[in-house]
Amino acid sequence: MNDWIQKYIQSQKAALDSIPVPAVAQVIETLRRALREDRQIFVFGNGGSAANASHFATDLGKGSSDAVGRRFRVLSLNDNVSWLTALGNDYAYEDVFVRQLENYARAGDVALVMSVSGNSPNVVKAVDWAVKHQVRTIALVGAKRGRLAELAEQVIVIDSQHYGRVEDAHMGICHMACYAFMENPAAKP
């Protein structure tokens, strides 16, 4: 077991080492611009990425907002179970995010999606819609990259196909983005 744990940690370090620092800085700048322009930020994903989206929205909406003294308008599209299930039931599961964006999103807003495969139909459909409606798009994906890497304006690829490692690295990026506003005066608008 010790050997397996050590190998897992080494592989996790490699995934973290693949995070491109300039791309994370660009994401932070996009979030800072959204705050400055009072834009809405939408975050979403499936499975572990859905949990990461909720966590990120909480940290940005509370901790980062408290630190800068202005409120990030951030919403996780994963958090309204009644709406998700109504959309999935009445339309299709691939519509659960795009239908919410149709209600809320405006040109200049930001959509940040997390997907290890980059190919989940519901996130791809939502990002495709966002691009067509001038919503700024950010995709955090794994090594497979998928369709999201072709669609999104800003893409961060984690060099791993292991779901746990990629999701951990995505959450690390989300924490960096939030703590940039909490701990780094240069990030404040």
Protein backbone atom coordinates (compact mmCIF):
# COMPACT_ATOMS: atom_id res chain seq x y z
CA MET A 1 0.00 0.00 0.00
CA ASN A 2 2.80 2.45 0.81
CA ASP A 3 4.30 2.06 -2.66
CA TRP A 4 0.91 2.63 -4.31
CA ILE A 5 0.34 5.77 -2.20
CA GLN A 6 3.80 7.09 -3.04
CA LYS A 7 3.21 6.51 -6.77
CA TYR A 8 -0.18 8.21 -6.52
CA ILE A 9 1.40 11.25 -4.86
CA GLN A 10 4.11 11.40 -7.54
CA SER A 11 1.50 11.24 -10.28
CA GLN A 12 -0.55 13.95 -8.54
CA LYS A 13 2.52 16.18 -8.37
CA ALA A 14 3.05 15.65 -12.10
CA ALA A 15 -0.56 16.69 -12.78
CA LEU A 16 -0.10 19.81 -10.65
CA ASP A 17 3.20 20.58 -12.37
CA SER A 18 1.36 20.60 -15.71
CA ILE A 19 -0.74 23.63 -14.67
CA PRO A 20 0.31 26.46 -17.00
CA VAL A 21 0.94 29.50 -14.79
CA PRO A 22 0.32 32.13 -17.53
CA ALA A 23 -3.05 30.55 -18.34
CA VAL A 24 -4.10 30.66 -14.69
CA ALA A 25 -3.05 34.32 -14.54
CA GLN A 26 -5.24 34.94 -17.61
CA VAL A 27 -8.23 33.28 -15.88
CA ILE A 28 -7.68 35.48 -12.83
CA GLU A 29 -7.61 38.55 -15.09
CA THR A 30 -10.87 37.45 -16.73
CA LEU A 31 -12.47 37.12 -13.28
CA ARG A 32 -11.10 40.51 -12.23
CA ARG A 33 -12.55 42.05 -15.39
CA ALA A 34 -15.92 40.41 -14.68
CA LEU A 35 -15.89 41.92 -11.19
CA ARG A 36 -14.90 45.35 -12.48
CA GLU A 37 -17.64 45.25 -15.16
CA ASP A 38 -20.24 43.72 -12.79
CA ARG A 39 -20.63 40.66 -15.05
CA GLN A 40 -22.20 37.36 -14.09
CA ILE A 41 -19.88 34.34 -13.75
CA PHE A 42 -21.38 30.90 -14.38
CA VAL A 43 -19.55 27.72 -13.36
CA PHE A 44 -20.60 24.15 -14.07
CA GLY A 45 -19.54 20.57 -14.66
CA ASN A 46 -20.59 16.95 -14.08
CA GLY A 47 -19.84 14.61 -11.18
CA GLY A 48 -16.71 15.68 -9.29
CA SER A 49 -16.51 18.73 -11.54
CA ALA A 50 -20.02 19.70 -10.39
CA ALA A 51 -18.81 19.58 -6.80
CA ASN A 52 -15.77 21.66 -7.77
CA ALA A 53 -18.08 24.20 -9.46
CA SER A 54 -20.14 24.55 -6.28
CA HIS A 55 -17.01 24.86 -4.16
CA PHE A 56 -15.52 27.48 -6.48
CA ALA A 57 -18.73 29.54 -6.52
CA THR A 58 -18.76 29.50 -2.72
CA ASP A 59 -15.12 30.57 -2.37
CA LEU A 60 -15.33 33.28 -5.03
CA GLY A 61 -18.74 34.54 -3.92
CA LYS A 62 -17.89 34.70 -0.24
CA GLY A 63 -14.16 34.65 0.51
CA SER A 64 -12.92 36.57 -2.54
CA SER A 65 -15.81 39.03 -2.40
CA ASP A 66 -15.18 39.71 1.29
CA ALA A 67 -11.47 40.29 0.63
CA VAL A 68 -11.94 42.81 -2.19
CA GLY A 69 -14.95 44.55 -0.67
CA ARG A 70 -17.04 44.02 -3.82
CA ARG A 71 -19.31 41.13 -4.69
CA PHE A 72 -18.51 38.63 -7.41
CA ARG A 73 -21.78 37.71 -9.12
CA VAL A 74 -21.08 33.99 -9.38
CA LEU A 75 -23.52 31.13 -9.80
CA SER A 76 -22.95 27.38 -10.01
CA LEU A 77 -25.40 25.97 -12.53
CA ASN A 78 -25.19 22.66 -10.66
CA ASP A 79 -26.84 23.86 -7.49
CA ASN A 80 -30.56 24.06 -8.33
CA VAL A 81 -31.55 20.38 -8.32
CA SER A 82 -35.21 21.09 -9.06
CA TRP A 83 -34.32 23.07 -12.17
CA LEU A 84 -31.69 20.56 -13.32
CA THR A 85 -34.10 17.65 -13.03
CA ALA A 86 -36.95 19.56 -14.70
CA LEU A 87 -34.71 20.46 -17.64
CA GLY A 88 -33.33 16.94 -17.89
CA ASN A 89 -36.79 15.42 -17.73
CA ASP A 90 -38.66 17.85 -19.98
CA TYR A 91 -35.93 18.39 -22.58
CA ALA A 92 -32.78 16.27 -22.33
CA TYR A 93 -29.83 15.95 -19.97
CA GLU A 94 -27.65 17.67 -22.56
CA ASP A 95 -29.82 20.80 -22.06
CA VAL A 96 -29.43 21.19 -18.29
CA PHE A 97 -26.78 23.92 -18.55
CA VAL A 98 -27.58 25.60 -21.86
CA ARG A 99 -31.20 26.22 -20.84
CA GLN A 100 -30.02 27.98 -17.68
CA LEU A 101 -27.58 30.11 -19.68
CA GLU A 102 -30.43 31.06 -22.01
CA ASN A 103 -32.27 32.46 -18.99
CA TYR A 104 -29.35 34.22 -17.31
CA ALA A 105 -26.35 34.87 -19.54
CA ARG A 106 -25.67 38.08 -21.41
CA ALA A 107 -22.85 39.08 -23.75
CA GLY A 108 -19.73 39.85 -21.74
CA ASP A 109 -20.56 37.45 -18.91
CA VAL A 110 -18.22 34.53 -18.14
CA ALA A 111 -18.84 30.78 -18.33
CA LEU A 112 -16.24 28.60 -16.62
CA VAL A 113 -16.65 24.88 -17.20
CA MET A 114 -14.72 21.94 -15.77
CA SER A 115 -14.63 18.57 -17.55
CA VAL A 116 -11.98 15.88 -17.42
CA SER A 117 -12.93 14.47 -20.83
CA GLY A 118 -13.87 17.79 -22.40
CA ASN A 119 -16.58 15.98 -24.33
CA SER A 120 -19.67 15.76 -22.10
CA PRO A 121 -22.58 16.73 -24.36
CA ASN A 122 -24.24 19.00 -21.80
CA VAL A 123 -21.15 21.14 -21.16
CA VAL A 124 -20.16 21.21 -24.84
CA LYS A 125 -23.65 22.39 -25.82
CA ALA A 126 -23.59 25.11 -23.16
CA VAL A 127 -20.14 26.39 -24.17
CA ASP A 128 -21.10 26.33 -27.84
CA TRP A 129 -24.14 28.47 -27.03
CA ALA A 130 -22.03 30.79 -24.86
CA VAL A 131 -19.50 31.37 -27.64
CA LYS A 132 -22.28 32.18 -30.11
CA HIS A 133 -23.73 34.73 -27.65
CA GLN A 134 -20.45 36.51 -26.83
CA VAL A 135 -20.15 35.03 -23.34
CA ARG A 136 -16.47 34.70 -22.40
CA THR A 137 -15.60 31.03 -22.02
CA ILE A 138 -13.03 29.23 -19.89
CA ALA A 139 -12.58 25.44 -19.98
CA LEU A 140 -10.54 23.41 -17.51
CA VAL A 141 -10.00 19.97 -19.07
CA GLY A 142 -7.81 16.87 -18.88
CA ALA A 143 -5.29 15.51 -21.35
CA LYS A 144 -7.97 14.25 -23.75
CA ARG A 145 -8.88 17.93 -24.24
CA GLY A 146 -12.09 17.10 -26.09
CA ARG A 147 -14.43 19.42 -27.91
CA LEU A 148 -14.29 22.02 -25.12
CA ALA A 149 -10.64 22.71 -25.91
CA GLU A 150 -11.68 23.60 -29.46
CA LEU A 151 -14.60 25.82 -28.44
CA ALA A 152 -13.52 27.76 -25.37
CA GLU A 153 -11.71 31.08 -25.56
CA GLN A 154 -9.39 30.18 -22.66
CA VAL A 155 -8.37 26.57 -22.05
CA ILE A 156 -6.28 25.00 -19.31
CA VAL A 157 -5.25 21.40 -19.95
CA ILE A 158 -4.06 19.16 -17.12
CA ASP A 159 -1.66 16.56 -18.49
CA SER A 160 -3.44 13.51 -17.10
CA GLN A 161 -6.44 11.36 -17.97
CA HIS A 162 -6.97 10.21 -14.38
CA TYR A 163 -10.26 11.68 -13.19
CA GLY A 164 -9.22 12.19 -9.58
CA ARG A 165 -5.91 13.83 -10.42
CA VAL A 166 -7.43 16.15 -13.02
CA GLU A 167 -10.31 17.13 -10.72
CA ASP A 168 -7.83 17.82 -7.90
CA ALA A 169 -5.75 20.00 -10.22
CA HIS A 170 -8.88 21.84 -11.41
CA MET A 171 -9.83 22.55 -7.80
CA GLY A 172 -6.29 23.77 -7.21
CA ILE A 173 -6.72 26.23 -10.08
CA CYS A 174 -10.03 27.35 -8.62
CA HIS A 175 -8.39 27.89 -5.24
CA MET A 176 -5.56 29.84 -6.87
CA ALA A 177 -8.11 32.05 -8.61
CA CYS A 178 -9.97 32.72 -5.36
CA TYR A 179 -6.92 33.18 -3.17
CA ALA A 180 -5.38 35.54 -5.70
CA PHE A 181 -8.09 37.99 -4.62
CA MET A 182 -7.85 37.05 -0.94
CA GLU A 183 -4.06 37.13 -0.57
CA ASN A 184 -2.57 39.09 -3.46
CA PRO A 185 -3.22 42.84 -3.52
CA ALA A 186 -2.10 42.98 -7.18
CA ALA A 187 -5.17 40.95 -8.20
CA LYS A 188 -7.69 43.35 -6.66
CA PRO A 189 -9.57 45.58 -9.12
